[in-house]
Each structure stands twice: as C-alpha cells, then as structure tokens.
Amino acid sequence: MFVQISQHLPCQFMRINGINKPGQITLLGRGGMKWFAYLLSGDGTVVVGNGWKGFCEANGVMLGETFVLEFIPKDDTNHVFKFYTK
C-alpha cells in the first residue's frame, strides 16, 4: 500500500522558509526525477496535495516509511523540495 494522497507539512517549517502561499512546487525524486505537486492550505494546515500520490508511487514510498523533504531555496516562485529516504 502506498502513502496517503496528501502529506502534511509543519507550519513552523513553512513560515521559517518564507513559504506562505499555496501553489505549485517541484519535488526532486530518486535519480533527479522532477515531479510537480501542489501545496494546499486550509484550516491552519499545509499539505502537499495533487501530485503527491503519483510521486510516492514513482519513488516507491510506502505507508509509514520515514523520509526527508529538504527545502532548496530558489529565486523564482516555484519552491523545490529534494526527497531522501534512509
């Protein structure tokens, strides 16, 4: 079974990194694969929504697996997160 369709991101992490608007992001997967997803916001939470499930399937992320999303600051408006697993 693959991970849920959305992934919650800590609000404090988002504020510290100046990510304050929903919109498209780029996820860098295994082998440098680029995948587009969208940040969604509602009732005080931020989630990676549309595109997250496909990214997990393409990278073999299983339910309950530990991983890291590293924020990579860019000058443009499309935020980039690099994916790591143990």
PDB file of N, CA and C in Angstrom:
ATOM      1  N   MET A   1       0.841  -1.185   0.000  1.00  0.00           N
ATOM      2  CA  MET A   1       0.000   0.000   0.000  1.00  0.00           C
ATOM      3  C   MET A   1       0.883   1.245   0.000  1.00  0.00           C
ATOM      4  N   PHE A   2       0.536   2.209  -0.819  1.00  0.00           N
ATOM      5  CA  PHE A   2       1.294   3.451  -0.897  1.00  0.00           C
ATOM      6  C   PHE A   2       0.771   4.464   0.104  1.00  0.00           C
ATOM      7  N   VAL A   3       1.590   5.490   0.340  1.00  0.00           N
ATOM      8  CA  VAL A   3       1.274   6.536   1.303  1.00  0.00           C
ATOM      9  C   VAL A   3      -0.004   7.273   0.906  1.00  0.00           C
ATOM     10  N   GLN A   4      -0.604   7.915   1.877  1.00  0.00           N
ATOM     11  CA  GLN A   4      -1.829   8.671   1.651  1.00  0.00           C
ATOM     12  C   GLN A   4      -1.660   9.713   0.553  1.00  0.00           C
ATOM     13  N   ILE A   5      -2.772  10.233   0.066  1.00  0.00           N
ATOM     14  CA  ILE A   5      -2.750  11.162  -1.057  1.00  0.00           C
ATOM     15  C   ILE A   5      -2.109  12.495  -0.698  1.00  0.00           C
ATOM     16  N   SER A   6      -2.203  12.924   0.532  1.00  0.00           N
ATOM     17  CA  SER A   6      -1.593  14.201   0.915  1.00  0.00           C
ATOM     18  C   SER A   6      -0.594  14.004   2.035  1.00  0.00           C
ATOM     19  N   GLN A   7       0.336  14.946   2.147  1.00  0.00           N
ATOM     20  CA  GLN A   7       1.368  14.914   3.179  1.00  0.00           C
ATOM     21  C   GLN A   7       1.354  16.251   3.900  1.00  0.00           C
ATOM     22  N   HIS A   8       1.131  16.235   5.206  1.00  0.00           N
ATOM     23  CA  HIS A   8       1.118  17.464   5.997  1.00  0.00           C
ATOM     24  C   HIS A   8       2.544  17.984   6.197  1.00  0.00           C
ATOM     25  N   LEU A   9       2.700  19.289   6.106  1.00  0.00           N
ATOM     26  CA  LEU A   9       3.989  19.939   6.359  1.00  0.00           C
ATOM     27  C   LEU A   9       3.845  20.833   7.582  1.00  0.00           C
ATOM     28  N   PRO A  10       4.861  20.841   8.450  1.00  0.00           N
ATOM     29  CA  PRO A  10       4.773  21.667   9.665  1.00  0.00           C
ATOM     30  C   PRO A  10       4.673  23.159   9.330  1.00  0.00           C
ATOM     31  N   CYS A  11       3.716  23.831   9.947  1.00  0.00           N
ATOM     32  CA  CYS A  11       3.511  25.261   9.701  1.00  0.00           C
ATOM     33  C   CYS A  11       4.748  26.078  10.065  1.00  0.00           C
ATOM     34  N   GLN A  12       5.417  25.721  11.157  1.00  0.00           N
ATOM     35  CA  GLN A  12       6.618  26.444  11.570  1.00  0.00           C
ATOM     36  C   GLN A  12       7.701  26.351  10.492  1.00  0.00           C
ATOM     37  N   PHE A  13       7.889  25.183   9.916  1.00  0.00           N
ATOM     38  CA  PHE A  13       8.853  24.987   8.833  1.00  0.00           C
ATOM     39  C   PHE A  13       8.504  25.887   7.651  1.00  0.00           C
ATOM     40  N   MET A  14       7.221  25.952   7.319  1.00  0.00           N
ATOM     41  CA  MET A  14       6.782  26.761   6.192  1.00  0.00           C
ATOM     42  C   MET A  14       7.060  28.245   6.434  1.00  0.00           C
ATOM     43  N   ARG A  15       6.742  28.718   7.648  1.00  0.00           N
ATOM     44  CA  ARG A  15       6.972  30.134   7.986  1.00  0.00           C
ATOM     45  C   ARG A  15       8.451  30.483   7.957  1.00  0.00           C
ATOM     46  N   ILE A  16       9.282  29.660   8.576  1.00  0.00           N
ATOM     47  CA  ILE A  16      10.727  29.915   8.647  1.00  0.00           C
ATOM     48  C   ILE A  16      11.320  30.055   7.245  1.00  0.00           C
ATOM     49  N   ASN A  17      10.824  29.258   6.302  1.00  0.00           N
ATOM     50  CA  ASN A  17      11.361  29.271   4.943  1.00  0.00           C
ATOM     51  C   ASN A  17      10.622  30.216   4.005  1.00  0.00           C
ATOM     52  N   GLY A  18       9.700  31.014   4.556  1.00  0.00           N
ATOM     53  CA  GLY A  18       9.018  32.018   3.757  1.00  0.00           C
ATOM     54  C   GLY A  18       8.043  31.451   2.747  1.00  0.00           C
ATOM     55  N   ILE A  19       7.556  30.252   2.989  1.00  0.00           N
ATOM     56  CA  ILE A  19       6.575  29.641   2.097  1.00  0.00           C
ATOM     57  C   ILE A  19       5.207  29.948   2.675  1.00  0.00           C
ATOM     58  N   ASN A  20       4.570  30.949   2.116  1.00  0.00           N
ATOM     59  CA  ASN A  20       3.322  31.405   2.722  1.00  0.00           C
ATOM     60  C   ASN A  20       2.122  31.390   1.776  1.00  0.00           C
ATOM     61  N   LYS A  21       2.307  30.825   0.582  1.00  0.00           N
ATOM     62  CA  LYS A  21       1.191  30.771  -0.361  1.00  0.00           C
ATOM     63  C   LYS A  21       1.085  29.373  -0.951  1.00  0.00           C
ATOM     64  N   PRO A  22      -0.137  28.909  -1.123  1.00  0.00           N
ATOM     65  CA  PRO A  22      -0.317  27.631  -1.821  1.00  0.00           C
ATOM     66  C   PRO A  22       0.104  27.786  -3.277  1.00  0.00           C
ATOM     67  N   GLY A  23       0.378  26.694  -3.926  1.00  0.00           N
ATOM     68  CA  GLY A  23       0.724  26.725  -5.337  1.00  0.00           C
ATOM     69  C   GLY A  23       1.613  25.572  -5.725  1.00  0.00           C
ATOM     70  N   GLN A  24       2.090  25.615  -6.943  1.00  0.00           N
ATOM     71  CA  GLN A  24       2.906  24.530  -7.483  1.00  0.00           C
ATOM     72  C   GLN A  24       4.274  24.482  -6.822  1.00  0.00           C
ATOM     73  N   ILE A  25       4.745  23.257  -6.570  1.00  0.00           N
ATOM     74  CA  ILE A  25       6.105  23.017  -6.086  1.00  0.00           C
ATOM     75  C   ILE A  25       6.730  21.944  -6.968  1.00  0.00           C
ATOM     76  N   THR A  26       8.058  21.824  -6.889  1.00  0.00           N
ATOM     77  CA  THR A  26       8.777  20.778  -7.586  1.00  0.00           C
ATOM     78  C   THR A  26       9.360  19.832  -6.555  1.00  0.00           C
ATOM     79  N   LEU A  27       9.134  18.546  -6.742  1.00  0.00           N
ATOM     80  CA  LEU A  27       9.731  17.523  -5.896  1.00  0.00           C
ATOM     81  C   LEU A  27      10.820  16.830  -6.706  1.00  0.00           C
ATOM     82  N   LEU A  28      12.017  16.732  -6.133  1.00  0.00           N
ATOM     83  CA  LEU A  28      13.120  16.040  -6.797  1.00  0.00           C
ATOM     84  C   LEU A  28      13.222  14.653  -6.186  1.00  0.00           C
ATOM     85  N   GLY A  29      12.975  13.636  -6.996  1.00  0.00           N
ATOM     86  CA  GLY A  29      12.965  12.264  -6.516  1.00  0.00           C
ATOM     87  C   GLY A  29      14.273  11.549  -6.791  1.00  0.00           C
ATOM     88  N   ARG A  30      14.218  10.249  -6.660  1.00  0.00           N
ATOM     89  CA  ARG A  30      15.386   9.406  -6.920  1.00  0.00           C
ATOM     90  C   ARG A  30      15.853   9.600  -8.349  1.00  0.00           C
ATOM     91  N   GLY A  31      17.163   9.650  -8.519  1.00  0.00           N
ATOM     92  CA  GLY A  31      17.725   9.814  -9.849  1.00  0.00           C
ATOM     93  C   GLY A  31      17.505  11.191 -10.443  1.00  0.00           C
ATOM     94  N   GLY A  32      17.139  12.178  -9.618  1.00  0.00           N
ATOM     95  CA  GLY A  32      16.944  13.536 -10.094  1.00  0.00           C
ATOM     96  C   GLY A  32      15.624  13.762 -10.811  1.00  0.00           C
ATOM     97  N   MET A  33      14.718  12.780 -10.740  1.00  0.00           N
ATOM     98  CA  MET A  33      13.423  12.913 -11.387  1.00  0.00           C
ATOM     99  C   MET A  33      12.674  14.114 -10.814  1.00  0.00           C
ATOM    100  N   LYS A  34      12.107  14.942 -11.689  1.00  0.00           N
ATOM    101  CA  LYS A  34      11.299  16.089 -11.255  1.00  0.00           C
ATOM    102  C   LYS A  34       9.831  15.718 -11.322  1.00  0.00           C
ATOM    103  N   TRP A  35       9.115  16.102 -10.277  1.00  0.00           N
ATOM    104  CA  TRP A  35       7.687  15.812 -10.202  1.00  0.00           C
ATOM    105  C   TRP A  35       7.005  17.070  -9.687  1.00  0.00           C
ATOM    106  N   PHE A  36       5.907  17.442 -10.291  1.00  0.00           N
ATOM    107  CA  PHE A  36       5.197  18.638  -9.863  1.00  0.00           C
ATOM    108  C   PHE A  36       4.031  18.253  -8.956  1.00  0.00           C
ATOM    109  N   ALA A  37       3.879  18.998  -7.891  1.00  0.00           N
ATOM    110  CA  ALA A  37       2.785  18.798  -6.945  1.00  0.00           C
ATOM    111  C   ALA A  37       2.294  20.179  -6.529  1.00  0.00           C
ATOM    112  N   TYR A  38       1.291  20.201  -5.688  1.00  0.00           N
ATOM    113  CA  TYR A  38       0.719  21.477  -5.271  1.00  0.00           C
ATOM    114  C   TYR A  38       0.585  21.546  -3.760  1.00  0.00           C
ATOM    115  N   LEU A  39       0.986  22.691  -3.207  1.00  0.00           N
ATOM    116  CA  LEU A  39       0.744  22.961  -1.797  1.00  0.00           C
ATOM    117  C   LEU A  39      -0.681  23.461  -1.656  1.00  0.00           C
ATOM    118  N   LEU A  40      -1.382  22.897  -0.717  1.00  0.00           N
ATOM    119  CA  LEU A  40      -2.753  23.295  -0.433  1.00  0.00           C
ATOM    120  C   LEU A  40      -2.807  23.752   1.009  1.00  0.00           C
ATOM    121  N   SER A  41      -3.652  24.710   1.304  1.00  0.00           N
ATOM    122  CA  SER A  41      -3.737  25.240   2.660  1.00  0.00           C
ATOM    123  C   SER A  41      -5.194  25.357   3.064  1.00  0.00           C
ATOM    124  N   GLY A  42      -5.438  25.048   4.311  1.00  0.00           N
ATOM    125  CA  GLY A  42      -6.786  25.182   4.833  1.00  0.00           C
ATOM    126  C   GLY A  42      -6.792  24.928   6.321  1.00  0.00           C
ATOM    127  N   ASP A  43      -7.630  25.565   7.023  1.00  0.00           N
ATOM    128  CA  ASP A  43      -7.788  25.464   8.468  1.00  0.00           C
ATOM    129  C   ASP A  43      -6.457  25.339   9.223  1.00  0.00           C
ATOM    130  N   GLY A  44      -5.488  26.178   8.850  1.00  0.00           N
ATOM    131  CA  GLY A  44      -4.226  26.254   9.579  1.00  0.00           C
ATOM    132  C   GLY A  44      -3.195  25.198   9.231  1.00  0.00           C
ATOM    133  N   THR A  45      -3.478  24.316   8.271  1.00  0.00           N
ATOM    134  CA  THR A  45      -2.512  23.296   7.895  1.00  0.00           C
ATOM    135  C   THR A  45      -2.077  23.481   6.449  1.00  0.00           C
ATOM    136  N   VAL A  46      -0.895  22.970   6.143  1.00  0.00           N
ATOM    137  CA  VAL A  46      -0.389  22.992   4.776  1.00  0.00           C
ATOM    138  C   VAL A  46      -0.099  21.541   4.393  1.00  0.00           C
ATOM    139  N   VAL A  47      -0.573  21.145   3.227  1.00  0.00           N
ATOM    140  CA  VAL A  47      -0.337  19.788   2.755  1.00  0.00           C
ATOM    141  C   VAL A  47       0.184  19.822   1.327  1.00  0.00           C
ATOM    142  N   VAL A  48       0.932  18.779   0.977  1.00  0.00           N
ATOM    143  CA  VAL A  48       1.285  18.545  -0.418  1.00  0.00           C
ATOM    144  C   VAL A  48       0.162  17.669  -0.937  1.00  0.00           C
ATOM    145  N   GLY A  49      -0.597  18.200  -1.871  1.00  0.00           N
ATOM    146  CA  GLY A  49      -1.776  17.504  -2.369  1.00  0.00           C
ATOM    147  C   GLY A  49      -1.561  16.938  -3.753  1.00  0.00           C
ATOM    148  N   ASN A  50      -2.292  17.459  -4.739  1.00  0.00           N
ATOM    149  CA  ASN A  50      -2.256  16.944  -6.109  1.00  0.00           C
ATOM    150  C   ASN A  50      -0.828  16.703  -6.564  1.00  0.00           C
ATOM    151  N   GLY A  51      -0.541  15.491  -6.994  1.00  0.00           N
ATOM    152  CA  GLY A  51       0.791  15.126  -7.457  1.00  0.00           C
ATOM    153  C   GLY A  51       1.570  14.303  -6.444  1.00  0.00           C
ATOM    154  N   TRP A  52       1.199  14.389  -5.160  1.00  0.00           N
ATOM    155  CA  TRP A  52       1.939  13.684  -4.105  1.00  0.00           C
ATOM    156  C   TRP A  52       1.817  12.166  -4.249  1.00  0.00           C
ATOM    157  N   LYS A  53       0.618  11.673  -4.499  1.00  0.00           N
ATOM    158  CA  LYS A  53       0.410  10.228  -4.602  1.00  0.00           C
ATOM    159  C   LYS A  53       1.241   9.651  -5.749  1.00  0.00           C
ATOM    160  N   GLY A  54       1.207  10.287  -6.905  1.00  0.00           N
ATOM    161  CA  GLY A  54       1.992   9.817  -8.053  1.00  0.00           C
ATOM    162  C   GLY A  54       3.477   9.849  -7.773  1.00  0.00           C
ATOM    163  N   PHE A  55       3.929  10.892  -7.072  1.00  0.00           N
ATOM    164  CA  PHE A  55       5.347  10.992  -6.708  1.00  0.00           C
ATOM    165  C   PHE A  55       5.743   9.817  -5.812  1.00  0.00           C
ATOM    166  N   CYS A  56       4.907   9.518  -4.824  1.00  0.00           N
ATOM    167  CA  CYS A  56       5.202   8.407  -3.909  1.00  0.00           C
ATOM    168  C   CYS A  56       5.245   7.079  -4.652  1.00  0.00           C
ATOM    169  N   GLU A  57       4.302   6.862  -5.533  1.00  0.00           N
ATOM    170  CA  GLU A  57       4.283   5.626  -6.311  1.00  0.00           C
ATOM    171  C   GLU A  57       5.532   5.505  -7.173  1.00  0.00           C
ATOM    172  N   ALA A  58       5.928   6.590  -7.834  1.00  0.00           N
ATOM    173  CA  ALA A  58       7.100   6.573  -8.709  1.00  0.00           C
ATOM    174  C   ALA A  58       8.402   6.361  -7.943  1.00  0.00           C
ATOM    175  N   ASN A  59       8.426   6.758  -6.668  1.00  0.00           N
ATOM    176  CA  ASN A  59       9.642   6.636  -5.860  1.00  0.00           C
ATOM    177  C   ASN A  59       9.579   5.497  -4.847  1.00  0.00           C
ATOM    178  N   GLY A  60       8.529   4.688  -4.918  1.00  0.00           N
ATOM    179  CA  GLY A  60       8.417   3.524  -4.048  1.00  0.00           C
ATOM    180  C   GLY A  60       8.226   3.846  -2.581  1.00  0.00           C
ATOM    181  N   VAL A  61       7.625   4.991  -2.263  1.00  0.00           N
ATOM    182  CA  VAL A  61       7.381   5.375  -0.867  1.00  0.00           C
ATOM    183  C   VAL A  61       6.189   4.578  -0.348  1.00  0.00           C
ATOM    184  N   MET A  62       6.408   3.853   0.726  1.00  0.00           N
ATOM    185  CA  MET A  62       5.363   3.015   1.308  1.00  0.00           C
ATOM    186  C   MET A  62       4.778   3.684   2.549  1.00  0.00           C
ATOM    187  N   LEU A  63       3.564   3.335   2.878  1.00  0.00           N
ATOM    188  CA  LEU A  63       2.884   3.851   4.059  1.00  0.00           C
ATOM    189  C   LEU A  63       3.737   3.589   5.298  1.00  0.00           C
ATOM    190  N   GLY A  64       3.980   4.622   6.094  1.00  0.00           N
ATOM    191  CA  GLY A  64       4.770   4.508   7.320  1.00  0.00           C
ATOM    192  C   GLY A  64       6.264   4.656   7.119  1.00  0.00           C
ATOM    193  N   GLU A  65       6.726   4.770   5.888  1.00  0.00           N
ATOM    194  CA  GLU A  65       8.153   4.917   5.617  1.00  0.00           C
ATOM    195  C   GLU A  65       8.639   6.295   6.059  1.00  0.00           C
ATOM    196  N   THR A  66       9.842   6.333   6.613  1.00  0.00           N
ATOM    197  CA  THR A  66      10.456   7.586   7.018  1.00  0.00           C
ATOM    198  C   THR A  66      11.206   8.192   5.822  1.00  0.00           C
ATOM    199  N   PHE A  67      11.025   9.491   5.641  1.00  0.00           N
ATOM    200  CA  PHE A  67      11.726  10.194   4.568  1.00  0.00           C
ATOM    201  C   PHE A  67      11.926  11.643   4.968  1.00  0.00           C
ATOM    202  N   VAL A  68      12.747  12.340   4.193  1.00  0.00           N
ATOM    203  CA  VAL A  68      13.034  13.754   4.427  1.00  0.00           C
ATOM    204  C   VAL A  68      12.743  14.511   3.144  1.00  0.00           C
ATOM    205  N   LEU A  69      12.093  15.664   3.278  1.00  0.00           N
ATOM    206  CA  LEU A  69      11.953  16.606   2.178  1.00  0.00           C
ATOM    207  C   LEU A  69      12.803  17.821   2.530  1.00  0.00           C
ATOM    208  N   GLU A  70      13.872  18.034   1.785  1.00  0.00           N
ATOM    209  CA  GLU A  70      14.763  19.176   2.025  1.00  0.00           C
ATOM    210  C   GLU A  70      14.322  20.340   1.146  1.00  0.00           C
ATOM    211  N   PHE A  71      14.065  21.481   1.762  1.00  0.00           N
ATOM    212  CA  PHE A  71      13.692  22.680   1.009  1.00  0.00           C
ATOM    213  C   PHE A  71      14.936  23.264   0.375  1.00  0.00           C
ATOM    214  N   ILE A  72      14.888  23.511  -0.930  1.00  0.00           N
ATOM    215  CA  ILE A  72      16.003  24.110  -1.659  1.00  0.00           C
ATOM    216  C   ILE A  72      15.558  25.494  -2.106  1.00  0.00           C
ATOM    217  N   PRO A  73      16.077  26.552  -1.461  1.00  0.00           N
ATOM    218  CA  PRO A  73      15.660  27.910  -1.819  1.00  0.00           C
ATOM    219  C   PRO A  73      16.018  28.252  -3.268  1.00  0.00           C
ATOM    220  N   LYS A  74      15.089  28.855  -3.957  1.00  0.00           N
ATOM    221  CA  LYS A  74      15.279  29.304  -5.346  1.00  0.00           C
ATOM    222  C   LYS A  74      14.816  30.744  -5.453  1.00  0.00           C
ATOM    223  N   ASP A  75      15.323  31.455  -6.456  1.00  0.00           N
ATOM    224  CA  ASP A  75      14.932  32.853  -6.654  1.00  0.00           C
ATOM    225  C   ASP A  75      13.552  32.990  -7.276  1.00  0.00           C
ATOM    226  N   ASP A  76      13.123  31.957  -8.013  1.00  0.00           N
ATOM    227  CA  ASP A  76      11.795  32.065  -8.638  1.00  0.00           C
ATOM    228  C   ASP A  76      10.711  31.656  -7.636  1.00  0.00           C
ATOM    229  N   THR A  77       9.487  31.643  -8.079  1.00  0.00           N
ATOM    230  CA  THR A  77       8.375  31.394  -7.155  1.00  0.00           C
ATOM    231  C   THR A  77       8.055  29.916  -6.969  1.00  0.00           C
ATOM    232  N   ASN A  78       8.614  29.028  -7.779  1.00  0.00           N
ATOM    233  CA  ASN A  78       8.339  27.601  -7.662  1.00  0.00           C
ATOM    234  C   ASN A  78       9.281  26.995  -6.622  1.00  0.00           C
ATOM    235  N   HIS A  79       8.743  26.589  -5.485  1.00  0.00           N
ATOM    236  CA  HIS A  79       9.562  26.025  -4.417  1.00  0.00           C
ATOM    237  C   HIS A  79       9.987  24.604  -4.778  1.00  0.00           C
ATOM    238  N   VAL A  80      11.219  24.245  -4.378  1.00  0.00           N
ATOM    239  CA  VAL A  80      11.776  22.938  -4.701  1.00  0.00           C
ATOM    240  C   VAL A  80      12.082  22.187  -3.418  1.00  0.00           C
ATOM    241  N   PHE A  81      11.685  20.919  -3.379  1.00  0.00           N
ATOM    242  CA  PHE A  81      11.966  20.042  -2.249  1.00  0.00           C
ATOM    243  C   PHE A  81      12.671  18.802  -2.765  1.00  0.00           C
ATOM    244  N   LYS A  82      13.793  18.440  -2.152  1.00  0.00           N
ATOM    245  CA  LYS A  82      14.531  17.228  -2.544  1.00  0.00           C
ATOM    246  C   LYS A  82      14.158  16.107  -1.585  1.00  0.00           C
ATOM    247  N   PHE A  83      13.884  14.952  -2.142  1.00  0.00           N
ATOM    248  CA  PHE A  83      13.403  13.793  -1.415  1.00  0.00           C
ATOM    249  C   PHE A  83      14.562  12.872  -1.057  1.00  0.00           C
ATOM    250  N   TYR A  84      14.616  12.430   0.204  1.00  0.00           N
ATOM    251  CA  TYR A  84      15.613  11.471   0.686  1.00  0.00           C
ATOM    252  C   TYR A  84      14.914  10.382   1.487  1.00  0.00           C
ATOM    253  N   THR A  85      15.413   9.152   1.364  1.00  0.00           N
ATOM    254  CA  THR A  85      14.958   8.071   2.240  1.00  0.00           C
ATOM    255  C   THR A  85      16.166   7.487   2.923  1.00  0.00           C
ATOM    256  N   LYS A  86      15.893   6.696   3.961  1.00  0.00           N
ATOM    257  CA  LYS A  86      17.000   6.047   4.691  1.00  0.00           C
ATOM    258  C   LYS A  86      17.469   4.824   3.947  1.00  0.00           C
TER     259      LYS A  86
END
